[in-house]
Amino acid sequence: MGNKKSLRYLISKYAIIELVYTLFIIVLFYVGLNVLLNTGVVYPAKYADIQSEKVEADFKKEGWTPDEIPYYYDFLYLKDGKIIENTIDKKYDDLVQQAIKNGRAISGEIIGSNIFKTYTRGNRQLVIRYRVNVIFTNEKLYRLFENFECGYIVLILIIWFLGFALLLIRSSNILKREIYKIAMANDNISRMDLDYEREYSKYKEIDGALVSIDVLAKNLKKSLGEQWDMQVKQKELVEQLTHDIRTPITLIKGNLELLKEENPGLSSDRFADISNGIDRLEKYIEKLKKFSYTMEGKKDVVSDEVILYWIEIISGICRLNGLNLEVIKSECSNIKLDKEEIAAALQNIVTNAVEYSKKGSKITVEFKDEPEEFILTVRDEGTGFDKDLLPLLTEKFISGKVKDKSYKHGLGLWVVKNIVSANNGNLYLKNYTGRTAGAEVKMVFNK
């Protein structure tokens, strides 16, 4: 893999290149200007000032005309105090008057100052204006680019900026390519493609990040492999258990039928509760094969028949534990819910209520249909939820039986919460007070 370079090296390298490039541009500026001067393309900055002496000498000759004035001068020609010809811009009128009065005037610009000189010969007077800057020797070019120095500086700056931009793009593309390697590695992991082709970088920081991601991918692959092996073993164990459990269930059902025939005088409710329990146990065995209570199954409209099925389950638990059941409202709905999942949820809720209620107390249930919701409410007359544990009771292995968190256990309300969530609902727990007191569990399903 060779020696790795630091990103600091990359940044320093391009910073030095930029500095050398800037120095090169400065030298190019200087050499280019000298080449233009030596080849006669432009005149030096003081050329107009030097030539002003020749203009003065020519002006004082007989037969002089304004046509003899070079193109790089603006002028004001007066005769007997009258303006014969004027090419000087009106904005310089104050400086022109100052030059007529004092013989010379100069503007205050930092670069390319305007100089005004006045020459007098008899009844004639000439004021010339010129700038102290480099000028083109070609009149047409001068008319196009009167301010040569500014244009030349702008041109050099454009050349410098283009080179700077190219170097910046070059260095940023290198960084982008290196960072892209990290982004692609992350993307492969997010898509669970853990056998992606590994990439390396010649920069220490980037290569360190790639190596870390590679280690993460290998560990994740190993963990997933172990998890898959565990799931396969669990599946095989569940399949074996569910197969073995079917035999005792069949024996229980057979003996229950014999018991009915031999004891016709026994309570039919008791037989019904046992039969219903066995039927539901068989359904849970089927669900156990799927490893989850909350796996989405067939959903039914909440009809009177479905509600009666739920009430029978609750009634059986209450009878077995010596509690009274009161159904205060039983409204069917057009909402579709998983009948067996909700039955499991109600069983967990009522079993939990029974555990904290005295014999002879009452369990109240309500099935209420609203325009946007279907609400199932279960109330008991027990000791209620522990206030300290109330926010945690829907978490896994939390129980109201033991306050010491080191002994927390229980899955009932956690299972209920998952069932309600899988059916597009929310679970609410609270204690209530009034003529009676106890715990209230409300399942609200959104339509």
Protein backbone atom coordinates (compact mmCIF):
# COMPACT_ATOMS: atom_id res chain seq x y z
CA MET A 1 0.00 0.00 0.00
CA GLY A 2 3.05 2.27 0.33
CA ASN A 3 3.48 5.36 2.46
CA LYS A 4 0.32 7.29 3.12
CA LYS A 5 0.19 11.03 2.72
CA SER A 6 -1.76 13.39 4.91
CA LEU A 7 -4.57 15.64 3.71
CA ARG A 8 -2.47 18.46 5.15
CA TYR A 9 0.15 17.56 2.55
CA LEU A 10 -2.45 17.85 -0.22
CA ILE A 11 -3.70 21.22 1.01
CA SER A 12 -0.14 22.55 1.54
CA LYS A 13 0.91 21.33 -1.91
CA TYR A 14 -1.85 23.21 -3.68
CA ALA A 15 -1.34 26.29 -1.51
CA ILE A 16 2.32 26.40 -2.62
CA ILE A 17 1.28 25.83 -6.24
CA GLU A 18 -1.13 28.77 -5.96
CA LEU A 19 1.63 30.96 -4.52
CA VAL A 20 4.09 29.99 -7.28
CA TYR A 21 1.38 30.55 -9.87
CA THR A 22 0.68 34.04 -8.47
CA LEU A 23 4.38 34.92 -8.65
CA PHE A 24 4.45 33.60 -12.22
CA ILE A 25 1.56 35.88 -13.16
CA ILE A 26 3.34 38.89 -11.65
CA VAL A 27 6.47 38.09 -13.66
CA LEU A 28 4.33 37.54 -16.77
CA PHE A 29 2.72 40.94 -16.19
CA TYR A 30 6.11 42.64 -15.98
CA VAL A 31 7.69 40.78 -18.91
CA GLY A 32 4.60 41.23 -21.08
CA LEU A 33 4.58 44.98 -20.51
CA ASN A 34 8.29 45.23 -21.40
CA VAL A 35 7.75 43.20 -24.57
CA LEU A 36 4.95 45.54 -25.63
CA LEU A 37 7.20 48.56 -24.96
CA ASN A 38 10.22 47.11 -26.77
CA THR A 39 8.23 46.06 -29.81
CA GLY A 40 6.65 49.51 -30.13
CA VAL A 41 3.10 48.40 -29.46
CA VAL A 42 2.73 50.90 -26.62
CA TYR A 43 4.46 54.04 -25.43
CA PRO A 44 5.80 54.33 -21.85
CA ALA A 45 3.79 56.20 -19.21
CA LYS A 46 5.85 59.44 -19.48
CA TYR A 47 5.82 59.53 -23.26
CA ALA A 48 2.98 62.11 -23.48
CA ASP A 49 4.70 64.28 -20.87
CA ILE A 50 7.99 64.22 -22.82
CA GLN A 51 6.22 64.94 -26.14
CA SER A 52 4.45 67.95 -24.61
CA GLU A 53 7.69 69.95 -25.11
CA LYS A 54 7.58 69.21 -28.84
CA VAL A 55 3.92 70.29 -28.93
CA GLU A 56 4.93 73.57 -27.30
CA ALA A 57 7.75 74.13 -29.80
CA ASP A 58 5.51 73.40 -32.79
CA PHE A 59 2.76 75.66 -31.41
CA LYS A 60 5.13 78.65 -31.31
CA LYS A 61 6.01 78.25 -34.99
CA GLU A 62 4.31 80.28 -37.66
CA GLY A 63 1.70 78.42 -39.68
CA TRP A 64 0.91 75.95 -36.85
CA THR A 65 -2.52 74.27 -36.98
CA PRO A 66 -4.38 72.05 -34.43
CA ASP A 67 -4.03 69.11 -36.82
CA GLU A 68 -0.42 68.82 -35.73
CA ILE A 69 -1.39 67.87 -32.20
CA PRO A 70 -0.87 64.09 -31.62
CA TYR A 71 -3.96 61.88 -31.06
CA TYR A 72 -3.16 61.16 -27.42
CA TYR A 73 -3.76 64.80 -26.42
CA ASP A 74 -7.07 66.58 -25.86
CA PHE A 75 -6.81 70.32 -26.35
CA LEU A 76 -8.46 73.73 -26.15
CA TYR A 77 -7.35 76.24 -28.81
CA LEU A 78 -8.11 79.93 -28.19
CA LYS A 79 -7.50 82.91 -30.46
CA ASP A 80 -8.14 86.47 -29.30
CA GLY A 81 -9.83 84.87 -26.27
CA LYS A 82 -12.33 82.98 -28.45
CA ILE A 83 -12.59 79.20 -28.58
CA ILE A 84 -11.54 77.95 -31.99
CA GLU A 85 -11.57 74.21 -31.19
CA ASN A 86 -12.12 72.22 -27.99
CA THR A 87 -11.82 68.42 -27.44
CA ILE A 88 -11.48 68.52 -23.65
CA ASP A 89 -14.47 67.13 -21.71
CA LYS A 90 -16.54 69.75 -19.90
CA LYS A 91 -16.02 67.97 -16.56
CA TYR A 92 -12.46 69.29 -16.62
CA ASP A 93 -13.48 72.98 -17.04
CA ASP A 94 -12.22 73.90 -13.55
CA LEU A 95 -8.84 72.32 -14.18
CA VAL A 96 -8.65 74.01 -17.61
CA GLN A 97 -9.26 77.41 -16.03
CA GLN A 98 -6.67 76.63 -13.37
CA ALA A 99 -4.17 75.71 -16.11
CA ILE A 100 -4.90 78.94 -18.04
CA LYS A 101 -4.32 80.90 -14.87
CA ASN A 102 -1.24 79.08 -13.53
CA GLY A 103 0.14 77.50 -16.71
CA ARG A 104 -0.30 73.98 -15.32
CA ALA A 105 -2.88 71.89 -13.41
CA ILE A 106 -3.10 68.26 -12.32
CA SER A 107 -6.02 66.09 -11.20
CA GLY A 108 -5.96 64.05 -7.99
CA GLU A 109 -6.28 60.45 -9.30
CA ILE A 110 -3.93 57.90 -7.76
CA ILE A 111 -3.35 56.11 -11.08
CA GLY A 112 -3.31 57.88 -14.43
CA SER A 113 -3.54 61.50 -13.29
CA ASN A 114 -4.72 64.09 -15.83
CA ILE A 115 -2.21 66.84 -16.52
CA PHE A 116 -3.14 70.18 -18.10
CA LYS A 117 -0.57 72.57 -19.63
CA THR A 118 -1.11 75.98 -21.19
CA TYR A 119 1.05 77.52 -23.96
CA THR A 120 0.71 81.14 -25.15
CA ARG A 121 1.95 82.75 -28.35
CA GLY A 122 0.79 86.26 -29.12
CA ASN A 123 -2.98 86.28 -29.35
CA ARG A 124 -3.12 82.49 -29.43
CA GLN A 125 -3.44 80.14 -26.47
CA LEU A 126 -3.34 76.34 -26.31
CA VAL A 127 -4.37 74.08 -23.40
CA ILE A 128 -3.53 70.38 -23.71
CA ARG A 129 -4.68 67.44 -21.52
CA TYR A 130 -2.96 64.10 -21.28
CA ARG A 131 -2.68 61.23 -18.82
CA VAL A 132 0.42 59.76 -17.27
CA ASN A 133 -0.08 56.17 -18.36
CA VAL A 134 0.94 53.68 -21.03
CA ILE A 135 -0.74 54.34 -24.38
CA PHE A 136 -1.06 52.44 -27.64
CA THR A 137 1.09 53.60 -30.55
CA ASN A 138 -1.83 52.81 -32.86
CA GLU A 139 -4.46 55.57 -32.84
CA LYS A 140 -7.37 53.20 -33.45
CA LEU A 141 -6.33 50.98 -30.54
CA TYR A 142 -5.88 54.06 -28.39
CA ARG A 143 -9.43 55.19 -29.17
CA LEU A 144 -10.73 51.73 -28.22
CA PHE A 145 -8.59 51.32 -25.08
CA GLU A 146 -7.66 54.76 -23.89
CA ASN A 147 -6.97 53.47 -20.38
CA PHE A 148 -4.45 50.77 -21.30
CA GLU A 149 -3.14 50.13 -17.78
CA CYS A 150 -6.56 49.32 -16.28
CA GLY A 151 -7.37 47.01 -19.18
CA TYR A 152 -3.98 45.31 -18.90
CA ILE A 153 -4.42 44.78 -15.14
CA VAL A 154 -7.92 43.39 -15.67
CA LEU A 155 -6.59 41.00 -18.35
CA ILE A 156 -3.82 39.75 -16.05
CA LEU A 157 -6.32 39.31 -13.20
CA ILE A 158 -8.64 37.30 -15.47
CA ILE A 159 -5.73 35.05 -16.48
CA TRP A 160 -4.75 34.64 -12.81
CA PHE A 161 -8.33 33.88 -11.76
CA LEU A 162 -8.79 31.26 -14.49
CA GLY A 163 -5.61 29.50 -13.43
CA PHE A 164 -6.58 29.77 -9.76
CA ALA A 165 -10.01 28.33 -10.53
CA LEU A 166 -8.49 25.40 -12.45
CA LEU A 167 -6.11 24.60 -9.59
CA LEU A 168 -8.96 24.89 -7.08
CA ILE A 169 -11.17 22.58 -9.16
CA ARG A 170 -8.30 20.12 -9.48
CA SER A 171 -7.65 19.99 -5.71
CA SER A 172 -11.37 19.86 -4.84
CA ASN A 173 -11.90 17.00 -7.32
CA ILE A 174 -9.15 15.01 -5.60
CA LEU A 175 -10.86 15.53 -2.22
CA LYS A 176 -14.25 14.75 -3.74
CA ARG A 177 -12.99 11.46 -5.18
CA GLU A 178 -11.53 10.43 -1.84
CA ILE A 179 -14.67 11.37 0.12
CA TYR A 180 -16.79 9.58 -2.51
CA LYS A 181 -15.01 6.34 -1.54
CA ILE A 182 -16.30 6.76 2.03
CA ALA A 183 -19.79 7.64 0.79
CA MET A 184 -19.92 4.55 -1.45
CA ALA A 185 -18.76 2.30 1.40
CA ASN A 186 -21.50 3.72 3.65
CA ASP A 187 -24.05 3.28 0.87
CA ASN A 188 -23.07 -0.37 0.39
CA ILE A 189 -23.49 -1.03 4.11
CA SER A 190 -26.87 0.74 4.16
CA ARG A 191 -27.97 -1.57 1.30
CA MET A 192 -26.57 -4.53 3.27
CA ASP A 193 -24.13 -5.26 0.46
CA LEU A 194 -21.36 -6.35 2.81
CA ASP A 195 -19.24 -8.06 0.12
CA TYR A 196 -18.62 -4.85 -1.81
CA GLU A 197 -15.26 -4.27 -3.45
CA ARG A 198 -12.94 -2.63 -0.91
CA GLU A 199 -11.23 0.63 -1.87
CA TYR A 200 -8.12 2.23 -0.43
CA SER A 201 -6.77 5.76 -0.33
CA LYS A 202 -3.25 7.15 -0.45
CA TYR A 203 -4.25 9.72 2.18
CA LYS A 204 -4.00 8.62 5.82
CA GLU A 205 -7.22 10.20 7.09
CA ILE A 206 -9.38 8.85 4.26
CA ASP A 207 -7.78 5.42 4.36
CA GLY A 208 -8.31 5.28 8.13
CA ALA A 209 -12.03 5.94 7.68
CA LEU A 210 -12.25 3.30 4.90
CA VAL A 211 -10.49 0.73 7.09
CA SER A 212 -12.88 1.48 9.98
CA ILE A 213 -15.88 1.05 7.69
CA ASP A 214 -14.39 -2.18 6.36
CA VAL A 215 -14.03 -3.53 9.93
CA LEU A 216 -17.62 -2.47 10.64
CA ALA A 217 -18.84 -4.30 7.52
CA LYS A 218 -16.95 -7.48 8.45
CA ASN A 219 -18.28 -7.42 12.03
CA LEU A 220 -21.80 -6.75 10.78
CA LYS A 221 -21.56 -9.64 8.32
CA LYS A 222 -20.34 -11.94 11.09
CA SER A 223 -23.11 -10.78 13.44
CA LEU A 224 -25.80 -11.26 10.79
CA GLY A 225 -24.46 -14.72 10.04
CA GLU A 226 -24.62 -15.68 13.70
CA GLN A 227 -28.10 -14.19 13.99
CA TRP A 228 -29.26 -16.12 10.94
CA ASP A 229 -27.88 -19.36 12.35
CA MET A 230 -29.67 -18.66 15.63
CA GLN A 231 -32.95 -17.95 13.83
CA VAL A 232 -32.66 -21.20 11.88
CA LYS A 233 -32.11 -23.11 15.14
CA GLN A 234 -35.02 -21.28 16.79
CA LYS A 235 -37.26 -22.06 13.84
CA GLU A 236 -36.35 -25.73 13.98
CA LEU A 237 -36.98 -25.77 17.75
CA VAL A 238 -40.38 -24.05 17.39
CA GLU A 239 -41.40 -26.42 14.59
CA GLN A 240 -40.49 -29.38 16.81
CA LEU A 241 -42.32 -27.93 19.83
CA THR A 242 -45.46 -27.01 17.89
CA HIS A 243 -45.52 -30.48 16.38
CA ASP A 244 -45.12 -32.14 19.80
CA ILE A 245 -47.74 -29.89 21.48
CA ARG A 246 -50.41 -30.95 18.99
CA THR A 247 -50.49 -34.46 20.49
CA PRO A 248 -51.44 -33.41 24.08
CA ILE A 249 -53.95 -30.88 22.69
CA THR A 250 -55.62 -33.68 20.70
CA LEU A 251 -55.73 -35.83 23.84
CA ILE A 252 -57.27 -32.95 25.86
CA LYS A 253 -59.94 -32.39 23.22
CA GLY A 254 -60.76 -36.11 23.09
CA ASN A 255 -61.01 -36.43 26.86
CA LEU A 256 -63.13 -33.27 27.02
CA GLU A 257 -65.69 -34.86 24.69
CA LEU A 258 -65.75 -38.00 26.83
CA LEU A 259 -66.14 -35.89 29.96
CA LYS A 260 -69.16 -34.13 28.42
CA GLU A 261 -70.81 -37.48 27.63
CA GLU A 262 -70.10 -38.96 31.07
CA ASN A 263 -71.09 -35.83 33.04
CA PRO A 264 -74.02 -34.17 31.27
CA GLY A 265 -74.99 -32.32 34.43
CA LEU A 266 -71.79 -30.24 34.64
CA SER A 267 -71.92 -26.53 33.70
CA SER A 268 -71.97 -26.02 29.95
CA ASP A 269 -70.22 -22.66 30.45
CA ARG A 270 -67.21 -24.41 31.91
CA PHE A 271 -67.06 -26.82 28.99
CA ALA A 272 -67.44 -23.87 26.58
CA ASP A 273 -64.59 -21.98 28.25
CA ILE A 274 -62.29 -25.03 28.05
CA SER A 275 -63.23 -25.66 24.42
CA ASN A 276 -62.69 -22.01 23.46
CA GLY A 277 -59.36 -22.02 25.27
CA ILE A 278 -58.21 -25.12 23.38
CA ASP A 279 -59.29 -23.60 20.04
CA ARG A 280 -57.38 -20.41 20.74
CA LEU A 281 -54.38 -22.39 21.93
CA GLU A 282 -54.31 -24.13 18.54
CA LYS A 283 -54.44 -20.76 16.77
CA TYR A 284 -51.54 -19.50 18.90
CA ILE A 285 -49.55 -22.58 17.99
CA GLU A 286 -50.02 -21.63 14.32
CA LYS A 287 -48.88 -18.10 15.03
CA LEU A 288 -45.91 -19.37 16.99
CA LYS A 289 -44.56 -20.75 13.72
CA LYS A 290 -44.33 -17.17 12.48
CA PHE A 291 -42.26 -16.11 15.52
CA SER A 292 -44.35 -13.00 16.26
CA TYR A 293 -47.69 -11.96 17.71
CA THR A 294 -47.69 -8.80 15.68
CA MET A 295 -47.13 -10.26 12.21
CA GLU A 296 -49.93 -8.94 10.04
CA GLY A 297 -52.66 -11.51 9.39
CA LYS A 298 -56.20 -11.53 8.05
CA LYS A 299 -58.27 -8.58 9.23
CA ASP A 300 -62.03 -8.64 9.76
CA VAL A 301 -64.68 -5.95 10.00
CA VAL A 302 -65.59 -5.41 13.65
CA SER A 303 -69.07 -6.91 13.46
CA ASP A 304 -71.40 -7.98 16.30
CA GLU A 305 -70.08 -11.51 15.85
CA VAL A 306 -66.48 -10.38 16.33
CA ILE A 307 -67.35 -8.35 19.42
CA LEU A 308 -69.26 -11.32 20.87
CA TYR A 309 -66.17 -13.48 20.29
CA TRP A 310 -64.04 -11.00 22.27
CA ILE A 311 -66.65 -10.77 25.04
CA GLU A 312 -66.74 -14.58 25.40
CA ILE A 313 -62.97 -14.64 25.92
CA ILE A 314 -63.14 -11.90 28.57
CA SER A 315 -66.16 -13.59 30.21
CA GLY A 316 -64.34 -16.92 30.47
CA ILE A 317 -61.36 -15.30 32.25
CA CYS A 318 -63.67 -13.44 34.65
CA ARG A 319 -65.69 -16.56 35.52
CA LEU A 320 -62.52 -18.55 36.15
CA ASN A 321 -61.22 -15.93 38.57
CA GLY A 322 -64.49 -15.05 40.33
CA LEU A 323 -64.93 -11.56 38.82
CA ASN A 324 -68.03 -9.97 37.33
CA LEU A 325 -68.07 -8.67 33.74
CA GLU A 326 -70.10 -5.64 32.67
CA VAL A 327 -70.31 -4.58 29.01
CA ILE A 328 -71.45 -0.94 29.10
CA LYS A 329 -71.38 -0.39 25.33
CA SER A 330 -71.08 -2.78 22.39
CA GLU A 331 -70.94 -0.87 19.09
CA CYS A 332 -69.82 -2.59 15.90
CA SER A 333 -67.73 -0.68 13.33
CA ASN A 334 -66.66 -0.74 9.70
CA ILE A 335 -62.98 -0.70 10.74
CA LYS A 336 -60.96 -3.82 9.96
CA LEU A 337 -58.85 -5.35 12.74
CA ASP A 338 -57.03 -8.64 13.25
CA LYS A 339 -59.60 -10.58 15.28
CA GLU A 340 -57.12 -12.97 16.89
CA GLU A 341 -54.52 -10.31 17.65
CA ILE A 342 -57.08 -8.12 19.43
CA ALA A 343 -58.31 -11.21 21.29
CA ALA A 344 -54.74 -11.81 22.49
CA ALA A 345 -54.46 -8.17 23.55
CA LEU A 346 -57.74 -8.30 25.49
CA GLN A 347 -56.67 -11.56 27.14
CA ASN A 348 -53.41 -9.96 28.31
CA ILE A 349 -55.21 -6.85 29.60
CA VAL A 350 -57.95 -8.77 31.47
CA THR A 351 -55.46 -11.31 32.89
CA ASN A 352 -53.39 -8.42 34.22
CA ALA A 353 -56.54 -6.77 35.67
CA VAL A 354 -57.57 -10.01 37.38
CA GLU A 355 -54.16 -10.29 39.03
CA TYR A 356 -54.64 -6.93 40.78
CA SER A 357 -58.40 -7.20 41.55
CA LYS A 358 -60.28 -8.78 44.43
CA LYS A 359 -62.73 -11.61 43.86
CA GLY A 360 -66.26 -10.35 43.41
CA SER A 361 -65.09 -7.01 41.93
CA LYS A 362 -66.10 -5.88 38.48
CA ILE A 363 -64.37 -5.71 35.08
CA THR A 364 -65.97 -3.16 32.76
CA VAL A 365 -65.47 -3.20 29.00
CA GLU A 366 -66.65 -0.79 26.34
CA PHE A 367 -66.61 -1.07 22.52
CA LYS A 368 -67.22 2.43 21.15
CA ASP A 369 -67.38 3.48 17.49
CA GLU A 370 -66.42 7.08 16.62
CA PRO A 371 -66.32 8.78 13.18
CA GLU A 372 -62.50 8.65 13.06
CA GLU A 373 -61.70 6.00 15.68
CA PHE A 374 -62.77 2.71 17.22
CA ILE A 375 -62.12 2.57 20.98
CA LEU A 376 -61.82 -0.49 23.27
CA THR A 377 -61.72 0.34 26.97
CA VAL A 378 -61.13 -2.08 29.85
CA ARG A 379 -61.48 -0.97 33.48
CA ASP A 380 -60.96 -2.87 36.70
CA GLU A 381 -61.58 -2.09 40.37
CA GLY A 382 -58.15 -3.17 41.54
CA THR A 383 -55.15 -1.39 43.01
CA GLY A 384 -54.37 0.47 39.77
CA PHE A 385 -51.02 1.06 38.10
CA ASP A 386 -47.96 1.99 40.10
CA LYS A 387 -47.49 5.74 39.46
CA ASP A 388 -43.71 5.43 39.29
CA LEU A 389 -43.86 2.63 36.72
CA LEU A 390 -46.81 3.94 34.69
CA PRO A 391 -44.65 5.56 31.95
CA LEU A 392 -42.63 2.31 31.62
CA LEU A 393 -45.32 -0.37 31.72
CA THR A 394 -45.45 -0.80 27.95
CA GLU A 395 -41.72 -1.50 27.81
CA LYS A 396 -40.39 -5.04 27.57
CA PHE A 397 -39.98 -6.94 30.87
CA ILE A 398 -41.65 -4.25 33.02
CA SER A 399 -44.20 -5.32 35.62
CA GLY A 400 -46.10 -3.55 38.35
CA LYS A 401 -45.49 -6.47 40.70
CA VAL A 402 -41.93 -5.51 41.58
CA LYS A 403 -40.69 -1.95 41.94
CA ASP A 404 -37.04 -2.92 42.03
CA LYS A 405 -35.88 -2.48 38.41
CA SER A 406 -33.34 -5.26 38.86
CA TYR A 407 -36.23 -7.74 39.14
CA LYS A 408 -38.45 -6.30 36.43
CA HIS A 409 -40.27 -8.84 34.28
CA GLY A 410 -43.41 -9.32 32.24
CA LEU A 411 -44.42 -9.03 28.58
CA GLY A 412 -48.20 -8.49 28.74
CA LEU A 413 -48.57 -4.78 28.09
CA TRP A 414 -45.55 -4.75 25.75
CA VAL A 415 -47.31 -7.39 23.61
CA VAL A 416 -50.53 -5.36 23.76
CA LYS A 417 -48.71 -2.22 22.64
CA ASN A 418 -47.20 -4.06 19.64
CA ILE A 419 -50.57 -5.54 18.68
CA VAL A 420 -52.28 -2.13 18.86
CA SER A 421 -49.49 -0.48 16.82
CA ALA A 422 -49.69 -3.24 14.18
CA ASN A 423 -53.41 -2.45 13.82
CA ASN A 424 -52.80 1.30 13.38
CA GLY A 425 -53.70 2.26 16.91
CA ASN A 426 -52.42 3.76 20.14
CA LEU A 427 -52.43 2.36 23.68
CA TYR A 428 -53.25 4.57 26.70
CA LEU A 429 -52.87 3.59 30.36
CA LYS A 430 -54.11 5.50 33.38
CA ASN A 431 -55.63 5.24 36.86
CA TYR A 432 -59.11 6.57 37.48
CA THR A 433 -60.95 7.63 40.65
CA GLY A 434 -64.54 8.32 41.59
CA ARG A 435 -67.19 6.09 43.13
CA THR A 436 -64.83 3.27 42.32
CA ALA A 437 -61.12 3.34 41.50
CA GLY A 438 -58.75 1.20 39.53
CA ALA A 439 -56.81 0.92 36.28
CA GLU A 440 -57.99 1.82 32.78
CA VAL A 441 -56.53 0.53 29.54
CA LYS A 442 -57.72 2.13 26.31
CA MET A 443 -56.96 0.94 22.79
CA VAL A 444 -57.72 3.59 20.16
CA PHE A 445 -57.64 2.40 16.52
CA ASN A 446 -57.52 4.96 13.71
CA LYS A 447 -59.80 4.38 10.75
